[in-house]
N, C-alpha and C. Protein backbone atom coordinates (compact mmCIF):
# COMPACT_ATOMS: atom_id res chain seq x y z
N VAL A 1 47.69 111.67 118.62
CA VAL A 1 48.44 110.46 118.36
C VAL A 1 48.76 110.39 116.93
N PRO A 2 49.90 110.44 116.38
CA PRO A 2 50.20 110.36 115.00
C PRO A 2 50.28 108.88 114.54
N ARG A 3 50.15 108.83 113.20
CA ARG A 3 50.10 107.50 112.62
C ARG A 3 49.28 106.46 113.14
N ALA A 4 48.14 106.67 113.48
CA ALA A 4 47.18 105.81 114.23
C ALA A 4 45.92 105.42 113.30
N PHE A 5 45.62 104.28 113.21
CA PHE A 5 44.35 103.81 112.54
C PHE A 5 43.44 103.13 113.68
N VAL A 6 42.46 103.73 114.08
CA VAL A 6 41.64 103.29 115.26
C VAL A 6 40.35 102.64 114.73
N ASN A 7 40.16 101.35 115.02
CA ASN A 7 38.98 100.72 114.69
C ASN A 7 38.00 100.69 115.75
N LEU A 8 36.80 101.14 115.37
CA LEU A 8 35.80 101.17 116.30
C LEU A 8 34.67 100.05 115.99
N VAL A 9 34.77 99.13 116.72
CA VAL A 9 33.96 97.91 116.26
C VAL A 9 32.64 97.96 116.99
N GLN A 10 31.57 97.75 116.22
CA GLN A 10 30.15 97.83 116.75
C GLN A 10 29.96 96.52 117.69
N LEU A 11 29.04 96.67 118.65
CA LEU A 11 28.71 95.56 119.54
C LEU A 11 27.73 94.51 118.88
N GLN A 12 27.78 93.43 119.27
CA GLN A 12 26.79 92.23 118.75
C GLN A 12 25.42 92.48 119.42
N PRO A 13 24.49 92.17 118.57
CA PRO A 13 23.07 92.19 119.18
C PRO A 13 22.94 91.47 120.53
N MET A 14 22.07 91.82 121.37
CA MET A 14 21.98 91.17 122.72
C MET A 14 21.29 89.98 122.62
N THR A 15 20.66 89.73 121.41
CA THR A 15 19.91 88.44 121.35
C THR A 15 21.14 87.16 121.26
N VAL A 16 22.28 87.69 120.92
CA VAL A 16 23.51 86.69 120.94
C VAL A 16 23.68 86.12 122.38
N ALA A 17 23.74 86.95 123.34
CA ALA A 17 23.90 86.58 124.82
C ALA A 17 22.81 85.84 125.39
N LYS A 18 21.51 86.07 124.95
CA LYS A 18 20.35 85.32 125.33
C LYS A 18 20.54 83.95 124.72
N GLU A 19 20.90 83.66 123.61
CA GLU A 19 20.94 82.45 122.94
C GLU A 19 21.99 81.57 123.49
N LEU A 20 23.07 82.25 123.88
CA LEU A 20 24.33 81.46 124.48
C LEU A 20 24.05 81.03 125.86
N ALA A 21 23.01 81.60 126.37
CA ALA A 21 22.76 81.06 127.85
C ALA A 21 21.70 79.90 127.84
N SER A 22 21.88 79.00 126.90
CA SER A 22 21.23 77.79 126.84
C SER A 22 22.04 76.60 127.46
N GLY A 23 21.40 75.47 127.79
CA GLY A 23 22.18 74.42 128.51
C GLY A 23 22.47 74.82 129.96
N LEU A 24 22.55 73.78 130.74
CA LEU A 24 22.56 73.85 132.23
C LEU A 24 23.82 74.78 132.68
N LEU A 25 24.92 74.54 132.09
CA LEU A 25 26.24 75.30 132.50
C LEU A 25 26.14 76.66 132.16
N CYS A 26 25.76 76.84 130.96
CA CYS A 26 25.64 78.38 130.53
C CYS A 26 24.61 79.04 131.04
N GLN A 27 23.50 78.43 131.31
CA GLN A 27 22.42 79.14 132.21
C GLN A 27 22.82 79.43 133.38
N ALA A 28 23.54 78.72 134.18
CA ALA A 28 24.10 78.90 135.46
C ALA A 28 24.99 80.18 135.52
N VAL A 29 25.96 80.11 134.52
CA VAL A 29 26.93 81.18 134.39
C VAL A 29 26.23 82.64 134.19
N HIS A 30 25.36 82.51 133.31
CA HIS A 30 24.70 83.73 132.83
C HIS A 30 23.74 84.29 133.80
N ILE A 31 23.06 83.45 134.49
CA ILE A 31 22.04 83.76 135.69
C ILE A 31 22.96 84.78 136.79
N TYR A 32 24.12 84.19 137.00
CA TYR A 32 24.99 84.75 137.98
C TYR A 32 25.60 85.97 137.32
N ALA A 33 26.29 85.99 136.25
CA ALA A 33 27.03 87.04 135.68
C ALA A 33 26.38 88.07 134.94
N CYS A 34 25.27 87.88 134.19
CA CYS A 34 24.55 88.83 133.25
C CYS A 34 23.21 88.56 133.17
N SER A 35 22.48 88.38 134.22
CA SER A 35 21.07 88.09 134.03
C SER A 35 20.24 89.19 133.41
N CYS A 36 20.53 90.29 133.59
CA CYS A 36 19.77 91.48 132.92
C CYS A 36 19.65 91.28 131.48
N ILE A 37 20.74 90.77 131.00
CA ILE A 37 20.76 90.72 129.48
C ILE A 37 20.10 89.21 128.94
N THR A 38 20.47 88.19 129.66
CA THR A 38 20.07 86.93 129.14
C THR A 38 18.76 86.46 129.73
N ASN A 39 18.37 87.22 130.74
CA ASN A 39 17.09 86.74 131.32
C ASN A 39 16.33 88.05 131.86
N PRO A 40 16.03 88.96 131.06
CA PRO A 40 15.40 90.26 131.45
C PRO A 40 14.16 89.90 132.19
N ARG A 41 13.76 90.77 133.30
CA ARG A 41 12.66 90.56 134.06
C ARG A 41 11.35 90.80 133.40
N SER A 42 11.28 91.54 132.19
CA SER A 42 10.02 91.74 131.50
C SER A 42 10.40 92.16 130.03
N LYS A 43 9.43 92.18 129.24
CA LYS A 43 9.44 92.51 127.88
C LYS A 43 9.91 93.87 127.85
N GLU A 44 9.46 94.78 128.71
CA GLU A 44 9.79 96.14 128.77
C GLU A 44 11.30 96.37 129.17
N ALA A 45 11.78 95.54 130.03
CA ALA A 45 13.18 95.59 130.33
C ALA A 45 14.06 95.14 129.15
N GLU A 46 13.64 94.08 128.55
CA GLU A 46 14.34 93.66 127.21
C GLU A 46 14.29 94.72 126.17
N ASP A 47 13.13 95.39 125.92
CA ASP A 47 13.02 96.58 124.93
C ASP A 47 13.95 97.63 125.29
N LYS A 48 14.11 97.92 126.59
CA LYS A 48 14.93 99.02 127.01
C LYS A 48 16.46 98.65 126.69
N ILE A 49 16.82 97.45 126.88
CA ILE A 49 18.16 96.97 126.71
C ILE A 49 18.55 97.14 125.17
N ASN A 50 17.57 96.62 124.37
CA ASN A 50 17.62 96.80 122.97
C ASN A 50 17.63 98.17 122.36
N ALA A 51 16.91 99.06 122.94
CA ALA A 51 16.75 100.42 122.76
C ALA A 51 18.24 101.07 123.01
N ALA A 52 18.90 100.81 124.12
CA ALA A 52 20.16 101.34 124.63
C ALA A 52 21.18 100.90 123.63
N LEU A 53 21.03 99.54 123.09
CA LEU A 53 22.09 99.05 122.18
C LEU A 53 22.08 99.88 120.91
N ALA A 54 20.71 100.07 120.57
CA ALA A 54 20.51 100.72 119.27
C ALA A 54 21.09 102.18 119.40
N SER A 55 20.77 102.79 120.46
CA SER A 55 21.36 104.07 120.80
C SER A 55 22.86 104.23 120.78
N TYR A 56 23.46 103.22 121.37
CA TYR A 56 24.86 103.14 121.23
C TYR A 56 25.45 102.95 119.90
N HIS A 57 24.80 101.93 119.08
CA HIS A 57 25.28 101.92 117.65
C HIS A 57 25.18 103.19 117.02
N ALA A 58 24.03 103.92 117.10
CA ALA A 58 23.76 105.18 116.42
C ALA A 58 24.99 106.29 116.90
N ALA A 59 25.26 106.16 118.22
CA ALA A 59 26.19 107.24 118.72
C ALA A 59 27.59 106.88 118.29
N THR A 60 28.02 105.56 118.22
CA THR A 60 29.28 105.35 117.65
C THR A 60 29.42 105.62 116.12
N LYS A 61 28.27 105.32 115.49
CA LYS A 61 28.34 105.70 114.00
C LYS A 61 28.45 107.19 113.77
N ARG A 62 27.70 107.93 114.63
CA ARG A 62 27.72 109.44 114.47
C ARG A 62 29.26 109.94 114.65
N LEU A 63 29.89 109.29 115.90
CA LEU A 63 31.20 109.68 116.19
C LEU A 63 32.11 109.38 115.03
N ALA A 64 32.11 108.28 114.54
CA ALA A 64 33.14 107.80 113.59
C ALA A 64 32.99 108.61 112.28
N THR A 65 31.72 108.84 111.85
CA THR A 65 31.40 109.54 110.63
C THR A 65 31.24 111.06 110.67
N SER A 66 31.68 111.60 111.92
CA SER A 66 31.23 113.04 112.12
C SER A 66 32.33 113.96 111.38
N GLY A 67 33.42 113.39 110.79
CA GLY A 67 34.34 114.17 110.15
C GLY A 67 35.37 114.70 111.16
N ARG A 68 35.29 114.50 112.41
CA ARG A 68 36.06 115.00 113.54
C ARG A 68 37.46 114.38 113.23
N TYR A 69 37.48 113.05 112.69
CA TYR A 69 38.80 112.33 112.63
C TYR A 69 39.28 112.27 111.13
N ASP A 70 38.91 113.11 110.36
CA ASP A 70 39.20 113.16 108.89
C ASP A 70 40.12 114.29 108.66
N THR A 71 40.50 114.98 109.52
CA THR A 71 41.35 116.25 109.37
C THR A 71 42.82 116.12 109.15
N ARG A 72 43.33 114.74 109.47
CA ARG A 72 44.77 114.52 109.32
C ARG A 72 44.86 113.38 108.32
N ASP A 73 46.14 113.20 107.68
CA ASP A 73 46.43 112.09 106.94
C ASP A 73 47.05 111.06 107.72
N ASP A 74 47.48 111.31 109.07
CA ASP A 74 48.13 110.29 109.87
C ASP A 74 47.34 109.84 111.09
N PHE A 75 46.07 110.06 111.10
CA PHE A 75 45.13 109.47 112.05
C PHE A 75 43.78 109.46 111.78
N THR A 76 43.20 108.25 111.95
CA THR A 76 41.68 108.21 111.62
C THR A 76 41.03 107.27 112.51
N VAL A 77 39.66 107.45 112.47
CA VAL A 77 38.87 106.48 113.39
C VAL A 77 37.76 105.92 112.41
N VAL A 78 37.73 104.58 112.21
CA VAL A 78 36.84 103.94 111.15
C VAL A 78 35.98 102.91 111.87
N LEU A 79 34.62 103.12 111.74
CA LEU A 79 33.56 102.10 112.34
C LEU A 79 33.83 100.84 111.52
N GLN A 80 33.85 99.83 112.11
CA GLN A 80 33.91 98.48 111.51
C GLN A 80 32.67 97.63 112.06
N PRO A 81 31.60 97.67 111.20
CA PRO A 81 30.30 97.14 111.63
C PRO A 81 30.07 95.63 111.47
N PHE A 82 30.95 94.70 111.30
CA PHE A 82 30.99 93.29 111.18
C PHE A 82 29.96 92.57 112.04
N PHE A 83 30.02 93.11 113.32
CA PHE A 83 29.10 92.45 114.40
C PHE A 83 27.68 92.84 114.41
N THR A 84 27.37 93.90 113.74
CA THR A 84 26.13 94.46 113.81
C THR A 84 24.85 93.50 113.64
N LYS A 85 25.03 92.58 112.54
CA LYS A 85 24.06 91.63 112.22
C LYS A 85 24.43 90.14 112.14
N THR A 86 25.60 89.91 113.02
CA THR A 86 26.13 88.55 112.97
C THR A 86 25.36 87.63 113.88
N ASP A 87 24.98 86.51 113.27
CA ASP A 87 24.55 85.37 114.12
C ASP A 87 25.65 84.55 114.70
N LEU A 88 25.15 83.71 115.60
CA LEU A 88 26.11 82.90 116.23
C LEU A 88 26.66 81.80 115.23
N PRO A 89 27.84 81.34 115.46
CA PRO A 89 28.39 80.11 114.64
C PRO A 89 27.53 78.87 115.02
N ARG A 90 27.22 78.06 113.97
CA ARG A 90 26.43 76.87 114.19
C ARG A 90 27.22 75.53 113.82
N THR A 91 26.80 74.59 114.43
CA THR A 91 27.24 73.22 114.01
C THR A 91 26.57 72.64 112.80
N ALA A 92 26.96 71.66 112.24
CA ALA A 92 26.27 71.15 111.09
C ALA A 92 24.84 70.66 111.45
N HIS A 93 24.50 70.65 112.63
CA HIS A 93 23.08 70.23 113.04
C HIS A 93 22.28 71.48 113.43
N GLY A 94 22.90 72.60 113.20
CA GLY A 94 22.10 73.85 113.56
C GLY A 94 22.18 74.48 114.95
N SER A 95 22.86 73.68 115.82
CA SER A 95 22.96 74.23 117.30
C SER A 95 24.16 75.15 117.37
N VAL A 96 24.15 75.99 118.28
CA VAL A 96 25.27 76.83 118.61
C VAL A 96 26.63 76.11 118.80
N ASP A 97 27.50 76.60 118.03
CA ASP A 97 28.83 75.94 118.16
C ASP A 97 29.72 76.63 119.22
N TYR A 98 29.67 76.06 120.46
CA TYR A 98 30.21 76.65 121.69
C TYR A 98 31.77 76.49 121.52
N SER A 99 32.36 75.92 120.61
CA SER A 99 33.92 75.78 120.53
C SER A 99 34.36 77.27 120.23
N TYR A 100 33.53 78.06 119.69
CA TYR A 100 33.94 79.47 119.46
C TYR A 100 33.96 80.39 120.78
N PHE A 101 33.46 79.84 121.86
CA PHE A 101 33.22 80.62 123.02
C PHE A 101 33.98 79.96 124.17
N ALA A 102 34.35 81.03 125.17
CA ALA A 102 35.06 80.51 126.33
C ALA A 102 34.17 79.82 127.41
N SER A 103 34.72 79.33 128.45
CA SER A 103 33.84 78.65 129.47
C SER A 103 32.81 79.46 130.12
N ASP A 104 32.82 80.85 130.05
CA ASP A 104 31.76 81.68 130.52
C ASP A 104 30.65 81.78 129.49
N CYS A 105 30.73 81.00 128.51
CA CYS A 105 29.58 81.05 127.29
C CYS A 105 29.21 82.38 126.85
N PHE A 106 30.19 83.37 126.74
CA PHE A 106 29.99 84.65 126.36
C PHE A 106 31.26 85.12 125.48
N HIS A 107 32.40 85.21 126.16
CA HIS A 107 33.63 85.75 125.45
C HIS A 107 34.03 84.71 124.53
N TYR A 108 34.91 85.15 123.41
CA TYR A 108 35.33 84.24 122.45
C TYR A 108 36.46 83.44 123.01
N SER A 109 36.54 82.12 122.54
CA SER A 109 37.61 81.26 122.76
C SER A 109 38.71 81.59 121.88
N GLU A 110 39.83 80.92 121.85
CA GLU A 110 40.86 81.33 120.86
C GLU A 110 40.44 81.19 119.43
N LYS A 111 39.65 80.14 119.19
CA LYS A 111 39.00 80.02 117.88
C LYS A 111 38.09 81.07 117.43
N GLY A 112 37.27 81.54 118.47
CA GLY A 112 36.45 82.56 118.19
C GLY A 112 37.22 83.86 117.85
N GLN A 113 38.23 84.16 118.68
CA GLN A 113 39.04 85.32 118.61
C GLN A 113 39.76 85.29 117.10
N GLU A 114 40.15 84.08 116.65
CA GLU A 114 40.70 84.02 115.35
C GLU A 114 39.71 84.50 114.17
N ALA A 115 38.41 83.95 114.33
CA ALA A 115 37.43 84.23 113.38
C ALA A 115 37.06 85.70 113.41
N ALA A 116 36.80 86.19 114.59
CA ALA A 116 36.48 87.56 114.52
C ALA A 116 37.61 88.54 114.16
N GLY A 117 38.80 88.09 114.41
CA GLY A 117 40.00 88.91 113.95
C GLY A 117 40.04 88.90 112.42
N GLU A 118 39.69 87.77 111.71
CA GLU A 118 39.67 87.72 110.47
C GLU A 118 38.48 88.61 109.86
N ALA A 119 37.36 88.64 110.57
CA ALA A 119 36.23 89.59 110.06
C ALA A 119 36.63 90.93 110.19
N LEU A 120 37.46 91.39 111.25
CA LEU A 120 37.87 92.71 111.47
C LEU A 120 38.79 92.98 110.27
N TRP A 121 39.78 92.17 110.06
CA TRP A 121 40.75 92.31 108.93
C TRP A 121 39.87 92.64 107.60
N ASN A 122 39.00 91.71 107.36
CA ASN A 122 38.28 91.81 106.05
C ASN A 122 37.31 93.13 106.07
N ASN A 123 37.01 93.56 107.12
CA ASN A 123 36.21 94.97 107.16
C ASN A 123 37.08 96.09 106.93
N MET A 124 38.33 95.90 107.34
CA MET A 124 39.41 96.98 107.08
C MET A 124 39.66 97.23 105.68
N PHE A 125 39.52 96.12 104.87
CA PHE A 125 39.78 96.35 103.31
C PHE A 125 38.46 96.41 102.52
N GLU A 126 37.55 96.80 103.24
CA GLU A 126 36.08 97.15 102.53
C GLU A 126 35.99 98.72 102.58
N PRO A 127 35.43 99.26 101.52
CA PRO A 127 35.28 100.69 101.50
C PRO A 127 34.34 101.18 102.47
N ASP A 128 34.60 102.27 103.11
CA ASP A 128 33.56 102.97 103.97
C ASP A 128 32.28 103.06 103.17
N GLY A 129 31.18 102.62 103.88
CA GLY A 129 29.89 102.58 103.37
C GLY A 129 29.50 101.41 102.58
N SER A 130 30.53 100.47 102.38
CA SER A 130 30.20 99.21 101.76
C SER A 130 30.79 98.15 102.62
N LYS A 131 30.80 98.26 103.76
CA LYS A 131 31.49 97.15 104.79
C LYS A 131 30.29 96.21 105.15
N LYS A 132 30.83 94.93 105.20
CA LYS A 132 29.85 93.92 105.69
C LYS A 132 29.26 94.10 107.11
N LEU A 133 28.15 93.84 107.33
CA LEU A 133 27.51 94.04 108.70
C LEU A 133 27.51 92.74 109.42
N SER A 134 27.80 91.60 108.88
CA SER A 134 27.90 90.41 109.56
C SER A 134 29.12 89.63 109.07
N TRP A 135 29.39 88.52 109.75
CA TRP A 135 30.48 87.66 109.45
C TRP A 135 30.19 86.17 109.70
N SER A 136 30.76 85.29 108.92
CA SER A 136 30.72 83.94 109.13
C SER A 136 31.95 83.18 109.31
N PRO A 137 32.09 82.29 110.30
CA PRO A 137 33.37 81.69 110.43
C PRO A 137 33.67 80.83 109.02
N GLY A 138 35.03 80.94 108.81
CA GLY A 138 35.51 80.34 107.53
C GLY A 138 35.33 81.13 106.17
N GLU A 139 35.04 82.42 106.41
CA GLU A 139 35.13 83.39 105.00
C GLU A 139 36.55 83.47 104.72
N HIS A 140 36.78 83.66 103.39
CA HIS A 140 38.07 83.80 102.93
C HIS A 140 38.69 85.18 103.45
N ILE A 141 39.93 85.28 103.66
CA ILE A 141 40.62 86.53 104.07
C ILE A 141 40.93 87.38 102.89
N VAL A 142 40.43 88.69 102.98
CA VAL A 142 40.60 89.66 101.94
C VAL A 142 42.06 90.20 102.02
N CYS A 143 42.70 90.39 100.85
CA CYS A 143 43.97 90.99 100.77
C CYS A 143 43.99 92.20 99.84
N PRO A 144 44.78 93.19 100.23
CA PRO A 144 44.76 94.50 99.50
C PRO A 144 44.89 94.08 97.94
N SER A 145 44.30 94.99 97.16
CA SER A 145 44.51 94.82 95.70
C SER A 145 45.42 95.71 95.15
N GLU A 146 45.89 95.54 93.93
CA GLU A 146 46.78 96.53 93.34
C GLU A 146 46.08 97.82 93.13
N ASP A 147 44.79 97.95 92.97
CA ASP A 147 44.11 99.18 92.78
C ASP A 147 43.93 99.88 94.14
N SER A 148 43.79 99.02 95.24
CA SER A 148 43.59 99.64 96.58
C SER A 148 44.40 98.96 97.57
N PRO A 149 45.67 99.23 97.58
CA PRO A 149 46.76 98.56 98.57
C PRO A 149 46.66 99.40 99.86
N TYR A 150 45.63 99.57 100.43
CA TYR A 150 45.63 100.17 101.71
C TYR A 150 44.44 99.91 102.43
N LEU A 151 44.25 100.24 103.72
CA LEU A 151 43.05 100.10 104.59
C LEU A 151 42.24 101.25 104.22
N PHE A 152 40.87 101.01 104.10
CA PHE A 152 39.90 101.96 103.69
C PHE A 152 39.37 102.90 104.90
N THR A 153 39.40 104.17 104.49
CA THR A 153 38.93 105.31 105.57
C THR A 153 37.85 105.95 104.81
N SER A 154 37.24 106.99 105.50
CA SER A 154 36.29 107.68 104.76
C SER A 154 36.86 108.66 103.79
N LYS A 155 38.11 109.06 103.95
CA LYS A 155 38.81 109.98 103.04
C LYS A 155 39.24 109.16 101.69
N ASN A 156 39.51 107.90 101.75
CA ASN A 156 39.90 107.31 100.60
C ASN A 156 39.09 106.15 100.01
N SER A 157 37.77 106.16 100.49
CA SER A 157 36.74 105.29 100.06
C SER A 157 36.06 105.91 98.79
N PRO A 158 35.77 105.10 97.79
CA PRO A 158 35.08 105.77 96.59
C PRO A 158 33.73 106.29 97.04
N LYS A 159 33.54 107.48 96.52
CA LYS A 159 32.32 108.24 96.95
C LYS A 159 30.96 107.41 96.44
N GLN A 160 30.99 106.79 95.15
CA GLN A 160 29.76 106.17 94.72
C GLN A 160 29.55 104.86 95.42
N LYS A 161 30.33 104.39 96.42
CA LYS A 161 30.00 103.27 97.24
C LYS A 161 29.54 103.42 98.61
N ARG A 162 29.09 104.75 98.83
CA ARG A 162 28.76 105.11 100.15
C ARG A 162 27.64 104.27 100.85
N GLU A 163 26.70 103.79 100.03
CA GLU A 163 25.52 103.13 100.51
C GLU A 163 25.94 101.56 100.51
N ALA A 164 25.87 100.91 101.58
CA ALA A 164 26.27 99.44 101.71
C ALA A 164 25.18 98.66 100.79
N SER A 165 25.65 97.66 100.10
CA SER A 165 24.97 96.92 99.16
C SER A 165 24.16 96.04 99.92
N PRO A 166 22.79 95.77 99.65
CA PRO A 166 22.08 94.90 100.25
C PRO A 166 22.46 93.43 100.66
N ASN A 167 23.27 93.10 99.66
CA ASN A 167 23.94 91.57 99.82
C ASN A 167 24.94 91.48 100.93
N LEU A 168 25.50 92.63 101.20
CA LEU A 168 26.50 92.74 102.33
C LEU A 168 25.86 92.75 103.71
N ASN A 169 24.60 93.08 103.79
CA ASN A 169 24.00 93.18 105.06
C ASN A 169 23.21 92.01 105.50
N SER A 170 23.20 90.92 104.78
CA SER A 170 22.46 89.84 105.17
C SER A 170 22.95 89.13 106.45
N ARG A 171 22.05 88.50 107.15
CA ARG A 171 22.58 87.68 108.33
C ARG A 171 23.07 86.27 107.80
N ARG A 172 24.29 85.92 108.31
CA ARG A 172 24.73 84.73 107.92
C ARG A 172 25.35 83.88 109.07
N SER A 173 25.27 82.68 108.92
CA SER A 173 25.98 81.85 109.96
C SER A 173 26.41 80.51 109.30
N LEU A 174 27.74 80.33 109.23
CA LEU A 174 28.17 78.98 108.45
C LEU A 174 29.12 78.34 109.50
N ASN A 175 29.36 77.02 109.25
CA ASN A 175 30.13 76.18 109.91
C ASN A 175 31.63 76.39 109.68
N ARG A 176 32.42 76.36 110.47
CA ARG A 176 33.90 76.47 110.17
C ARG A 176 34.58 75.08 110.19
N GLY A 177 35.10 74.82 109.02
CA GLY A 177 35.72 73.41 108.94
C GLY A 177 36.92 73.17 109.65
């Protein structure tokens, strides 16, 4: 497929689904729809789910960074890790802000889709190896700079920035105004 930029977005931690399953309505939905994630039968089952997610993250990272997609100038696959360490959006009182989620208490609402889309957009303008691992609703939108008027790939990212900065990897959760 020529002239394609494929974003490979990491999955959120499973703890997000567990925390979303609070409250009577959300508990009922999650017990019916995805109880193995939100209500694992044992610590061993929960550990198995977390190990599967970690394995999936590692596999997608290996795939995206394998060099397999770096052989052409008109096609690439870029890992976008902004969900990797993302916490749930919170209200001013510290509880989960369900306005970011649909009525199934899991998928994003229009507001959540907008915020996640902005996070993806920002990740696309961060050099490979220096991408944020989390996002918070209300972050400013990054624009291309005069020095880097393009989406970052492994081929055009500065080599000295290959290791993500510690300050980009912190967990954050803010309120969106």
